[in-house]
PDB file of N, CA and C in Angstrom:
ATOM      1  N   GLY A   1     -96.560  21.436 159.207  1.00  0.00           N
ATOM      2  CA  GLY A   1     -95.862  20.682 158.220  1.00  0.00           C
ATOM      3  C   GLY A   1     -96.236  19.204 158.253  1.00  0.00           C
ATOM      4  N   ILE A   2     -95.702  18.508 157.293  1.00  0.00           N
ATOM      5  CA  ILE A   2     -95.936  17.077 157.175  1.00  0.00           C
ATOM      6  C   ILE A   2     -94.892  16.361 158.023  1.00  0.00           C
ATOM      7  N   ASN A   3     -95.342  15.605 159.004  1.00  0.00           N
ATOM      8  CA  ASN A   3     -94.401  14.830 159.812  1.00  0.00           C
ATOM      9  C   ASN A   3     -95.078  13.591 160.369  1.00  0.00           C
ATOM     10  N   ALA A   4     -94.292  12.728 160.933  1.00  0.00           N
ATOM     11  CA  ALA A   4     -94.805  11.444 161.427  1.00  0.00           C
ATOM     12  C   ALA A   4     -95.728  11.632 162.619  1.00  0.00           C
ATOM     13  N   GLU A   5     -95.450  12.617 163.472  1.00  0.00           N
ATOM     14  CA  GLU A   5     -96.297  12.844 164.656  1.00  0.00           C
ATOM     15  C   GLU A   5     -97.713  13.251 164.234  1.00  0.00           C
ATOM     16  N   TYR A   6     -97.818  14.090 163.200  1.00  0.00           N
ATOM     17  CA  TYR A   6     -99.125  14.468 162.692  1.00  0.00           C
ATOM     18  C   TYR A   6     -99.887  13.237 162.197  1.00  0.00           C
ATOM     19  N   GLY A   7     -99.195  12.385 161.453  1.00  0.00           N
ATOM     20  CA  GLY A   7     -99.828  11.172 160.945  1.00  0.00           C
ATOM     21  C   GLY A   7    -100.296  10.270 162.069  1.00  0.00           C
ATOM     22  N   LYS A   8     -99.496  10.153 163.106  1.00  0.00           N
ATOM     23  CA  LYS A   8     -99.871   9.310 164.249  1.00  0.00           C
ATOM     24  C   LYS A   8    -101.096   9.885 164.953  1.00  0.00           C
ATOM     25  N   GLN A   9    -101.126  11.205 165.181  1.00  0.00           N
ATOM     26  CA  GLN A   9    -102.263  11.822 165.854  1.00  0.00           C
ATOM     27  C   GLN A   9    -103.528  11.684 165.021  1.00  0.00           C
ATOM     28  N   TRP A  10    -103.420  11.934 163.709  1.00  0.00           N
ATOM     29  CA  TRP A  10    -104.589  11.815 162.852  1.00  0.00           C
ATOM     30  C   TRP A  10    -105.113  10.391 162.872  1.00  0.00           C
ATOM     31  N   TYR A  11    -104.194   9.439 162.788  1.00  0.00           N
ATOM     32  CA  TYR A  11    -104.626   8.057 162.733  1.00  0.00           C
ATOM     33  C   TYR A  11    -105.259   7.617 164.040  1.00  0.00           C
ATOM     34  N   GLN A  12    -104.749   8.087 165.175  1.00  0.00           N
ATOM     35  CA  GLN A  12    -105.348   7.721 166.451  1.00  0.00           C
ATOM     36  C   GLN A  12    -106.774   8.243 166.533  1.00  0.00           C
ATOM     37  N   ARG A  13    -107.018   9.438 165.996  1.00  0.00           N
ATOM     38  CA  ARG A  13    -108.392   9.956 165.971  1.00  0.00           C
ATOM     39  C   ARG A  13    -109.238   9.148 164.992  1.00  0.00           C
ATOM     40  N   ARG A  14    -108.666   8.781 163.869  1.00  0.00           N
ATOM     41  CA  ARG A  14    -109.402   8.066 162.820  1.00  0.00           C
ATOM     42  C   ARG A  14    -109.744   6.644 163.239  1.00  0.00           C
ATOM     43  N   VAL A  15    -108.835   5.976 163.944  1.00  0.00           N
ATOM     44  CA  VAL A  15    -109.077   4.589 164.351  1.00  0.00           C
ATOM     45  C   VAL A  15    -110.271   4.500 165.287  1.00  0.00           C
ATOM     46  N   ARG A  16    -110.473   5.512 166.090  1.00  0.00           N
ATOM     47  CA  ARG A  16    -111.640   5.494 166.980  1.00  0.00           C
ATOM     48  C   ARG A  16    -112.930   5.411 166.179  1.00  0.00           C
ATOM     49  N   GLY A  17    -112.919   5.974 164.974  1.00  0.00           N
ATOM     50  CA  GLY A  17    -114.089   5.908 164.108  1.00  0.00           C
ATOM     51  C   GLY A  17    -114.164   4.619 163.308  1.00  0.00           C
ATOM     52  N   MET A  18    -113.108   3.815 163.287  1.00  0.00           N
ATOM     53  CA  MET A  18    -113.096   2.534 162.571  1.00  0.00           C
ATOM     54  C   MET A  18    -112.681   1.423 163.525  1.00  0.00           C
ATOM     55  N   PRO A  19    -113.537   1.037 164.430  1.00  0.00           N
ATOM     56  CA  PRO A  19    -113.133   0.012 165.399  1.00  0.00           C
ATOM     57  C   PRO A  19    -112.809  -1.329 164.753  1.00  0.00           C
ATOM     58  N   TYR A  20    -113.337  -1.585 163.584  1.00  0.00           N
ATOM     59  CA  TYR A  20    -113.043  -2.854 162.909  1.00  0.00           C
ATOM     60  C   TYR A  20    -111.569  -2.968 162.543  1.00  0.00           C
ATOM     61  N   ALA A  21    -110.891  -1.841 162.313  1.00  0.00           N
ATOM     62  CA  ALA A  21    -109.470  -1.889 161.946  1.00  0.00           C
ATOM     63  C   ALA A  21    -108.633  -2.443 163.093  1.00  0.00           C
ATOM     64  N   LYS A  22    -109.018  -2.136 164.324  1.00  0.00           N
ATOM     65  CA  LYS A  22    -108.275  -2.641 165.488  1.00  0.00           C
ATOM     66  C   LYS A  22    -108.340  -4.164 165.557  1.00  0.00           C
ATOM     67  N   ILE A  23    -109.450  -4.718 165.132  1.00  0.00           N
ATOM     68  CA  ILE A  23    -109.639  -6.169 165.173  1.00  0.00           C
ATOM     69  C   ILE A  23    -109.073  -6.809 163.907  1.00  0.00           C
ATOM     70  N   PHE A  24    -109.340  -6.189 162.774  1.00  0.00           N
ATOM     71  CA  PHE A  24    -108.928  -6.772 161.491  1.00  0.00           C
ATOM     72  C   PHE A  24    -107.420  -6.818 161.324  1.00  0.00           C
ATOM     73  N   TRP A  25    -106.738  -5.681 161.565  1.00  0.00           N
ATOM     74  CA  TRP A  25    -105.331  -5.583 161.204  1.00  0.00           C
ATOM     75  C   TRP A  25    -104.436  -6.598 161.900  1.00  0.00           C
ATOM     76  N   PRO A  26    -104.496  -6.775 163.238  1.00  0.00           N
ATOM     77  CA  PRO A  26    -103.575  -7.731 163.873  1.00  0.00           C
ATOM     78  C   PRO A  26    -103.740  -9.170 163.374  1.00  0.00           C
ATOM     79  N   ASN A  27    -104.907  -9.499 162.842  1.00  0.00           N
ATOM     80  CA  ASN A  27    -105.174 -10.856 162.366  1.00  0.00           C
ATOM     81  C   ASN A  27    -105.093 -10.976 160.846  1.00  0.00           C
ATOM     82  N   SER A  28    -104.633  -9.936 160.172  1.00  0.00           N
ATOM     83  CA  SER A  28    -104.632  -9.942 158.712  1.00  0.00           C
ATOM     84  C   SER A  28    -103.360 -10.565 158.151  1.00  0.00           C
ATOM     85  N   ASN A  29    -103.417 -10.928 156.885  1.00  0.00           N
ATOM     86  CA  ASN A  29    -102.240 -11.471 156.201  1.00  0.00           C
ATOM     87  C   ASN A  29    -101.139 -10.428 156.065  1.00  0.00           C
ATOM     88  N   GLY A  30    -101.528  -9.170 155.847  1.00  0.00           N
ATOM     89  CA  GLY A  30    -100.540  -8.113 155.720  1.00  0.00           C
ATOM     90  C   GLY A  30     -99.719  -7.938 156.984  1.00  0.00           C
ATOM     91  N   CYS A  31    -100.377  -7.970 158.110  1.00  0.00           N
ATOM     92  CA  CYS A  31     -99.673  -7.852 159.389  1.00  0.00           C
ATOM     93  C   CYS A  31     -98.784  -9.067 159.617  1.00  0.00           C
ATOM     94  N   ALA A  32     -99.297 -10.253 159.327  1.00  0.00           N
ATOM     95  CA  ALA A  32     -98.511 -11.480 159.519  1.00  0.00           C
ATOM     96  C   ALA A  32     -97.287 -11.508 158.598  1.00  0.00           C
ATOM     97  N   SER A  33     -97.346 -10.774 157.490  1.00  0.00           N
ATOM     98  CA  SER A  33     -96.214 -10.736 156.556  1.00  0.00           C
ATOM     99  C   SER A  33     -95.227  -9.622 156.861  1.00  0.00           C
ATOM    100  N   GLY A  34     -95.510  -8.811 157.878  1.00  0.00           N
ATOM    101  CA  GLY A  34     -94.575  -7.765 158.281  1.00  0.00           C
ATOM    102  C   GLY A  34     -94.824  -6.406 157.661  1.00  0.00           C
ATOM    103  N   LEU A  35     -95.997  -6.195 157.059  1.00  0.00           N
ATOM    104  CA  LEU A  35     -96.309  -4.891 156.486  1.00  0.00           C
ATOM    105  C   LEU A  35     -96.789  -3.938 157.569  1.00  0.00           C
ATOM    106  N   ARG A  36     -96.569  -2.648 157.350  1.00  0.00           N
ATOM    107  CA  ARG A  36     -97.188  -1.629 158.189  1.00  0.00           C
ATOM    108  C   ARG A  36     -98.556  -1.344 157.598  1.00  0.00           C
ATOM    109  N   PHE A  37     -99.429  -0.687 158.369  1.00  0.00           N
ATOM    110  CA  PHE A  37    -100.787  -0.422 157.891  1.00  0.00           C
ATOM    111  C   PHE A  37    -100.768   0.420 156.617  1.00  0.00           C
ATOM    112  N   ASP A  38     -99.935   1.444 156.544  1.00  0.00           N
ATOM    113  CA  ASP A  38     -99.879   2.270 155.334  1.00  0.00           C
ATOM    114  C   ASP A  38     -99.360   1.485 154.129  1.00  0.00           C
ATOM    115  N   ASP A  39     -98.479   0.511 154.359  1.00  0.00           N
ATOM    116  CA  ASP A  39     -98.006  -0.334 153.252  1.00  0.00           C
ATOM    117  C   ASP A  39     -99.182  -1.058 152.619  1.00  0.00           C
ATOM    118  N   TRP A  40    -100.072  -1.551 153.456  1.00  0.00           N
ATOM    119  CA  TRP A  40    -101.219  -2.313 152.975  1.00  0.00           C
ATOM    120  C   TRP A  40    -102.327  -1.396 152.456  1.00  0.00           C
ATOM    121  N   PHE A  41    -102.620  -0.328 153.200  1.00  0.00           N
ATOM    122  CA  PHE A  41    -103.747   0.540 152.872  1.00  0.00           C
ATOM    123  C   PHE A  41    -103.501   1.356 151.612  1.00  0.00           C
ATOM    124  N   TYR A  42    -102.284   1.864 151.454  1.00  0.00           N
ATOM    125  CA  TYR A  42    -101.935   2.674 150.298  1.00  0.00           C
ATOM    126  C   TYR A  42    -101.048   1.868 149.370  1.00  0.00           C
ATOM    127  N   GLN A  43    -101.649   1.268 148.357  1.00  0.00           N
ATOM    128  CA  GLN A  43    -100.894   0.455 147.414  1.00  0.00           C
ATOM    129  C   GLN A  43    -100.700   1.249 146.120  1.00  0.00           C
ATOM    130  N   GLN A  44     -99.450   1.348 145.693  1.00  0.00           N
ATOM    131  CA  GLN A  44     -99.117   2.175 144.531  1.00  0.00           C
ATOM    132  C   GLN A  44     -99.758   1.674 143.246  1.00  0.00           C
ATOM    133  N   ASN A  45     -99.914   0.386 143.122  1.00  0.00           N
ATOM    134  CA  ASN A  45    -100.461  -0.138 141.868  1.00  0.00           C
ATOM    135  C   ASN A  45    -101.979   0.012 141.787  1.00  0.00           C
ATOM    136  N   LEU A  46    -102.638   0.394 142.883  1.00  0.00           N
ATOM    137  CA  LEU A  46    -104.095   0.512 142.880  1.00  0.00           C
ATOM    138  C   LEU A  46    -104.590   1.947 142.835  1.00  0.00           C
ATOM    139  N   SER A  47    -103.756   2.906 143.195  1.00  0.00           N
ATOM    140  CA  SER A  47    -104.238   4.283 143.217  1.00  0.00           C
ATOM    141  C   SER A  47    -103.164   5.244 142.711  1.00  0.00           C
ATOM    142  N   SER A  48    -103.594   6.142 141.859  1.00  0.00           N
ATOM    143  CA  SER A  48    -102.662   7.094 141.258  1.00  0.00           C
ATOM    144  C   SER A  48    -102.158   8.112 142.268  1.00  0.00           C
ATOM    145  N   GLU A  49    -102.986   8.457 143.270  1.00  0.00           N
ATOM    146  CA  GLU A  49    -102.536   9.435 144.259  1.00  0.00           C
ATOM    147  C   GLU A  49    -101.361   8.913 145.074  1.00  0.00           C
ATOM    148  N   VAL A  50    -101.347   7.624 145.344  1.00  0.00           N
ATOM    149  CA  VAL A  50    -100.220   7.039 146.073  1.00  0.00           C
ATOM    150  C   VAL A  50     -98.990   6.984 145.188  1.00  0.00           C
ATOM    151  N   ALA A  51     -99.180   6.702 143.915  1.00  0.00           N
ATOM    152  CA  ALA A  51     -98.049   6.675 142.988  1.00  0.00           C
ATOM    153  C   ALA A  51     -97.388   8.050 142.898  1.00  0.00           C
ATOM    154  N   GLU A  52     -98.177   9.121 143.055  1.00  0.00           N
ATOM    155  CA  GLU A  52     -97.604  10.468 143.032  1.00  0.00           C
ATOM    156  C   GLU A  52     -97.047  10.873 144.391  1.00  0.00           C
ATOM    157  N   ALA A  53     -97.630  10.388 145.477  1.00  0.00           N
ATOM    158  CA  ALA A  53     -97.209  10.789 146.828  1.00  0.00           C
ATOM    159  C   ALA A  53     -95.992  10.010 147.310  1.00  0.00           C
ATOM    160  N   ALA A  54     -95.851   8.762 146.932  1.00  0.00           N
ATOM    161  CA  ALA A  54     -94.767   7.916 147.444  1.00  0.00           C
ATOM    162  C   ALA A  54     -93.375   8.454 147.130  1.00  0.00           C
ATOM    163  N   PRO A  55     -93.114   8.992 145.944  1.00  0.00           N
ATOM    164  CA  PRO A  55     -91.766   9.511 145.691  1.00  0.00           C
ATOM    165  C   PRO A  55     -91.373  10.698 146.576  1.00  0.00           C
ATOM    166  N   ARG A  56     -92.339  11.309 147.260  1.00  0.00           N
ATOM    167  CA  ARG A  56     -92.033  12.434 148.147  1.00  0.00           C
ATOM    168  C   ARG A  56     -91.520  11.979 149.504  1.00  0.00           C
ATOM    169  N   LEU A  57     -91.590  10.706 149.770  1.00  0.00           N
ATOM    170  CA  LEU A  57     -91.070  10.175 151.025  1.00  0.00           C
ATOM    171  C   LEU A  57     -89.551  10.304 151.070  1.00  0.00           C
ATOM    172  N   ASP A  58     -89.007  10.281 152.278  1.00  0.00           N
ATOM    173  CA  ASP A  58     -87.550  10.220 152.412  1.00  0.00           C
ATOM    174  C   ASP A  58     -87.060   8.947 151.736  1.00  0.00           C
ATOM    175  N   ASP A  59     -85.819   8.968 151.269  1.00  0.00           N
ATOM    176  CA  ASP A  59     -85.260   7.794 150.605  1.00  0.00           C
ATOM    177  C   ASP A  59     -85.286   6.569 151.503  1.00  0.00           C
ATOM    178  N   ILE A  60     -84.966   6.747 152.771  1.00  0.00           N
ATOM    179  CA  ILE A  60     -84.936   5.610 153.692  1.00  0.00           C
ATOM    180  C   ILE A  60     -86.334   5.043 153.890  1.00  0.00           C
ATOM    181  N   GLU A  61     -87.336   5.929 154.065  1.00  0.00           N
ATOM    182  CA  GLU A  61     -88.721   5.463 154.221  1.00  0.00           C
ATOM    183  C   GLU A  61     -89.170   4.685 152.991  1.00  0.00           C
ATOM    184  N   LEU A  62     -88.828   5.191 151.816  1.00  0.00           N
ATOM    185  CA  LEU A  62     -89.228   4.534 150.574  1.00  0.00           C
ATOM    186  C   LEU A  62     -88.529   3.188 150.409  1.00  0.00           C
ATOM    187  N   GLN A  63     -87.243   3.130 150.763  1.00  0.00           N
ATOM    188  CA  GLN A  63     -86.522   1.859 150.694  1.00  0.00           C
ATOM    189  C   GLN A  63     -87.075   0.852 151.693  1.00  0.00           C
ATOM    190  N   LEU A  64     -87.432   1.300 152.889  1.00  0.00           N
ATOM    191  CA  LEU A  64     -88.034   0.386 153.872  1.00  0.00           C
ATOM    192  C   LEU A  64     -89.391  -0.108 153.392  1.00  0.00           C
ATOM    193  N   ARG A  65     -90.165   0.771 152.770  1.00  0.00           N
ATOM    194  CA  ARG A  65     -91.470   0.372 152.231  1.00  0.00           C
ATOM    195  C   ARG A  65     -91.283  -0.700 151.154  1.00  0.00           C
ATOM    196  N   ASN A  66     -90.331  -0.473 150.252  1.00  0.00           N
ATOM    197  CA  ASN A  66     -90.065  -1.452 149.198  1.00  0.00           C
ATOM    198  C   ASN A  66     -89.556  -2.769 149.771  1.00  0.00           C
ATOM    199  N   PHE A  67     -88.708  -2.687 150.786  1.00  0.00           N
ATOM    200  CA  PHE A  67     -88.203  -3.904 151.432  1.00  0.00           C
ATOM    201  C   PHE A  67     -89.342  -4.698 152.060  1.00  0.00           C
ATOM    202  N   ARG A  68     -90.229  -4.002 152.793  1.00  0.00           N
ATOM    203  CA  ARG A  68     -91.359  -4.715 153.421  1.00  0.00           C
ATOM    204  C   ARG A  68     -92.263  -5.340 152.370  1.00  0.00           C
ATOM    205  N   SER A  69     -92.436  -4.668 151.245  1.00  0.00           N
ATOM    206  CA  SER A  69     -93.265  -5.201 150.169  1.00  0.00           C
ATOM    207  C   SER A  69     -92.643  -6.453 149.553  1.00  0.00           C
ATOM    208  N   LEU A  70     -91.337  -6.399 149.293  1.00  0.00           N
ATOM    209  CA  LEU A  70     -90.657  -7.575 148.741  1.00  0.00           C
ATOM    210  C   LEU A  70     -90.656  -8.731 149.734  1.00  0.00           C
ATOM    211  N   ARG A  71     -90.446  -8.428 151.001  1.00  0.00           N
ATOM    212  CA  ARG A  71     -90.454  -9.468 152.025  1.00  0.00           C
ATOM    213  C   ARG A  71     -91.843 -10.091 152.145  1.00  0.00           C
ATOM    214  N   GLU A  72     -92.888  -9.266 152.024  1.00  0.00           N
ATOM    215  CA  GLU A  72     -94.253  -9.789 152.080  1.00  0.00           C
ATOM    216  C   GLU A  72     -94.506 -10.731 150.908  1.00  0.00           C
ATOM    217  N   SER A  73     -94.010 -10.372 149.728  1.00  0.00           N
ATOM    218  CA  SER A  73     -94.148 -11.254 148.561  1.00  0.00           C
ATOM    219  C   SER A  73     -93.410 -12.570 148.785  1.00  0.00           C
ATOM    220  N   GLN A  74     -92.239 -12.494 149.371  1.00  0.00           N
ATOM    221  CA  GLN A  74     -91.472 -13.705 149.656  1.00  0.00           C
ATOM    222  C   GLN A  74     -92.220 -14.604 150.656  1.00  0.00           C
ATOM    223  N   HIS A  75     -92.806 -14.004 151.681  1.00  0.00           N
ATOM    224  CA  HIS A  75     -93.573 -14.795 152.653  1.00  0.00           C
ATOM    225  C   HIS A  75     -94.771 -15.470 151.984  1.00  0.00           C
ATOM    226  N   ARG A  76     -95.417 -14.770 151.058  1.00  0.00           N
ATOM    227  CA  ARG A  76     -96.559 -15.385 150.368  1.00  0.00           C
ATOM    228  C   ARG A  76     -96.121 -16.556 149.502  1.00  0.00           C
ATOM    229  N   ILE A  77     -95.017 -16.397 148.797  1.00  0.00           N
ATOM    230  CA  ILE A  77     -94.518 -17.479 147.942  1.00  0.00           C
ATOM    231  C   ILE A  77     -94.138 -18.694 148.773  1.00  0.00           C
ATOM    232  N   GLU A  78     -93.456 -18.437 149.896  1.00  0.00           N
ATOM    233  CA  GLU A  78     -93.005 -19.529 150.770  1.00  0.00           C
ATOM    234  C   GLU A  78     -94.086 -20.020 151.724  1.00  0.00           C
ATOM    235  N   ARG A  79     -95.242 -19.358 151.697  1.00  0.00           N
ATOM    236  CA  ARG A  79     -96.348 -19.677 152.611  1.00  0.00           C
ATOM    237  C   ARG A  79     -95.889 -19.667 154.068  1.00  0.00           C
ATOM    238  N   SER A  80     -95.200 -18.597 154.406  1.00  0.00           N
ATOM    239  CA  SER A  80     -94.686 -18.427 155.767  1.00  0.00           C
ATOM    240  C   SER A  80     -95.146 -17.071 156.296  1.00  0.00           C
ATOM    241  N   VAL A  81     -94.800 -16.769 157.527  1.00  0.00           N
ATOM    242  CA  VAL A  81     -95.143 -15.487 158.131  1.00  0.00           C
ATOM    243  C   VAL A  81     -93.887 -14.853 158.716  1.00  0.00           C
ATOM    244  N   ALA A  82     -93.954 -13.573 158.942  1.00  0.00           N
ATOM    245  CA  ALA A  82     -92.829 -12.848 159.532  1.00  0.00           C
ATOM    246  C   ALA A  82     -92.717 -13.188 161.011  1.00  0.00           C
ATOM    247  N   PRO A  83     -91.523 -13.133 161.567  1.00  0.00           N
ATOM    248  CA  PRO A  83     -91.384 -13.337 163.011  1.00  0.00           C
ATOM    249  C   PRO A  83     -92.210 -12.300 163.778  1.00  0.00           C
ATOM    250  N   VAL A  84     -92.666 -12.656 164.939  1.00  0.00           N
ATOM    251  CA  VAL A  84     -93.550 -11.794 165.723  1.00  0.00           C
ATOM    252  C   VAL A  84     -92.917 -10.424 165.977  1.00  0.00           C
ATOM    253  N   GLU A  85     -91.623 -10.383 166.231  1.00  0.00           N
ATOM    254  CA  GLU A  85     -90.975  -9.096 166.527  1.00  0.00           C
ATOM    255  C   GLU A  85     -90.889  -8.183 165.300  1.00  0.00           C
ATOM    256  N   GLU A  86     -91.140  -8.694 164.103  1.00  0.00           N
ATOM    257  CA  GLU A  86     -91.106  -7.881 162.884  1.00  0.00           C
ATOM    258  C   GLU A  86     -92.495  -7.464 162.415  1.00  0.00           C
ATOM    259  N   ARG A  87     -93.524  -7.775 163.179  1.00  0.00           N
ATOM    260  CA  ARG A  87     -94.890  -7.426 162.804  1.00  0.00           C
ATOM    261  C   ARG A  87     -95.283  -6.095 163.442  1.00  0.00           C
ATOM    262  N   PHE A  88     -96.082  -5.339 162.722  1.00  0.00           N
ATOM    263  CA  PHE A  88     -96.588  -4.062 163.224  1.00  0.00           C
ATOM    264  C   PHE A  88     -98.060  -4.255 163.575  1.00  0.00           C
ATOM    265  N   SER A  89     -98.314  -4.972 164.661  1.00  0.00           N
ATOM    266  CA  SER A  89     -99.687  -5.335 164.994  1.00  0.00           C
ATOM    267  C   SER A  89    -100.395  -4.304 165.865  1.00  0.00           C
ATOM    268  N   ASP A  90     -99.656  -3.413 166.521  1.00  0.00           N
ATOM    269  CA  ASP A  90    -100.281  -2.397 167.368  1.00  0.00           C
ATOM    270  C   ASP A  90    -100.699  -1.223 166.495  1.00  0.00           C
ATOM    271  N   ILE A  91    -101.898  -1.294 165.980  1.00  0.00           N
ATOM    272  CA  ILE A  91    -102.356  -0.323 164.982  1.00  0.00           C
ATOM    273  C   ILE A  91    -102.491   1.080 165.551  1.00  0.00           C
ATOM    274  N   GLU A  92    -102.802   1.213 166.832  1.00  0.00           N
ATOM    275  CA  GLU A  92    -102.979   2.542 167.415  1.00  0.00           C
ATOM    276  C   GLU A  92    -101.660   3.296 167.546  1.00  0.00           C
ATOM    277  N   ASN A  93    -100.547   2.607 167.682  1.00  0.00           N
ATOM    278  CA  ASN A  93     -99.250   3.265 167.828  1.00  0.00           C
ATOM    279  C   ASN A  93     -98.418   3.222 166.554  1.00  0.00           C
ATOM    280  N   ASP A  94     -98.976   2.687 165.489  1.00  0.00           N
ATOM    281  CA  ASP A  94     -98.257   2.640 164.220  1.00  0.00           C
ATOM    282  C   ASP A  94     -98.223   4.048 163.620  1.00  0.00           C
ATOM    283  N   VAL A  95     -97.074   4.459 163.137  1.00  0.00           N
ATOM    284  CA  VAL A  95     -96.924   5.789 162.542  1.00  0.00           C
ATOM    285  C   VAL A  95     -97.413   5.735 161.104  1.00  0.00           C
ATOM    286  N   ARG A  96     -98.318   6.631 160.768  1.00  0.00           N
ATOM    287  CA  ARG A  96     -98.832   6.717 159.400  1.00  0.00           C
ATOM    288  C   ARG A  96     -97.866   7.542 158.574  1.00  0.00           C
ATOM    289  N   TYR A  97     -96.858   6.926 158.032  1.00  0.00           N
ATOM    290  CA  TYR A  97     -95.778   7.641 157.346  1.00  0.00           C
ATOM    291  C   TYR A  97     -96.179   8.156 155.971  1.00  0.00           C
ATOM    292  N   LEU A  98     -97.133   7.531 155.316  1.00  0.00           N
ATOM    293  CA  LEU A  98     -97.521   7.930 153.963  1.00  0.00           C
ATOM    294  C   LEU A  98     -98.820   8.729 153.948  1.00  0.00           C
ATOM    295  N   HIS A  99     -99.640   8.546 154.931  1.00  0.00           N
ATOM    296  CA  HIS A  99    -100.947   9.202 154.959  1.00  0.00           C
ATOM    297  C   HIS A  99    -100.874  10.722 154.808  1.00  0.00           C
ATOM    298  N   PRO A 100     -99.994  11.435 155.533  1.00  0.00           N
ATOM    299  CA  PRO A 100     -99.952  12.897 155.361  1.00  0.00           C
ATOM    300  C   PRO A 100     -99.635  13.324 153.933  1.00  0.00           C
ATOM    301  N   TRP A 101     -98.803  12.575 153.241  1.00  0.00           N
ATOM    302  CA  TRP A 101     -98.476  12.917 151.855  1.00  0.00           C
ATOM    303  C   TRP A 101     -99.676  12.717 150.934  1.00  0.00           C
ATOM    304  N   VAL A 102    -100.425  11.662 151.170  1.00  0.00           N
ATOM    305  CA  VAL A 102    -101.615  11.419 150.351  1.00  0.00           C
ATOM    306  C   VAL A 102    -102.665  12.485 150.640  1.00  0.00           C
ATOM    307  N   GLN A 103    -102.819  12.863 151.911  1.00  0.00           N
ATOM    308  CA  GLN A 103    -103.760  13.924 152.256  1.00  0.00           C
ATOM    309  C   GLN A 103    -103.359  15.250 151.589  1.00  0.00           C
ATOM    310  N   GLN A 104    -102.073  15.525 151.554  1.00  0.00           N
ATOM    311  CA  GLN A 104    -101.595  16.735 150.892  1.00  0.00           C
ATOM    312  C   GLN A 104    -101.921  16.686 149.398  1.00  0.00           C
ATOM    313  N   TRP A 105    -101.809  15.520 148.788  1.00  0.00           N
ATOM    314  CA  TRP A 105    -102.149  15.360 147.383  1.00  0.00           C
ATOM    315  C   TRP A 105    -103.628  15.671 147.162  1.00  0.00           C
ATOM    316  N   TYR A 106    -104.501  15.147 148.048  1.00  0.00           N
ATOM    317  CA  TYR A 106    -105.934  15.423 147.932  1.00  0.00           C
ATOM    318  C   TYR A 106    -106.229  16.909 148.101  1.00  0.00           C
ATOM    319  N   GLN A 107    -105.554  17.562 149.043  1.00  0.00           N
ATOM    320  CA  GLN A 107    -105.804  18.987 149.277  1.00  0.00           C
ATOM    321  C   GLN A 107    -105.394  19.838 148.078  1.00  0.00           C
ATOM    322  N   ARG A 108    -104.338  19.439 147.390  1.00  0.00           N
ATOM    323  CA  ARG A 108    -103.925  20.171 146.190  1.00  0.00           C
ATOM    324  C   ARG A 108    -104.942  20.018 145.076  1.00  0.00           C
ATOM    325  N   ARG A 109    -105.612  18.883 145.008  1.00  0.00           N
ATOM    326  CA  ARG A 109    -106.572  18.611 143.937  1.00  0.00           C
ATOM    327  C   ARG A 109    -107.885  19.362 144.142  1.00  0.00           C
ATOM    328  N   VAL A 110    -108.187  19.701 145.382  1.00  0.00           N
ATOM    329  CA  VAL A 110    -109.487  20.346 145.676  1.00  0.00           C
ATOM    330  C   VAL A 110    -109.440  21.814 145.454  1.00  0.00           C
TER     331      VAL A 110
END
């Protein structure tokens, strides 16, 4: 089934193949603004598959995603950054909460 542990395991295997993500993400604007990697990587306004997959998230996950997005916009307007304790800079232990849903969308299309 689709769960957070699957997303974490897949991402840990995937990050080994993208060593640049380990360096890029902790120093990125998205991380400094308090976004999770999936918030930044899967943007609803840029891809139709995410627009279809995002509503399948739990209500709480979706509300947290929207909150982080609004907070990131506020930080950009104010030219500020999120407090260190609110940043998701450890990319290897970050849970890929949206990735399994997007992968399921791709599998249905094939």
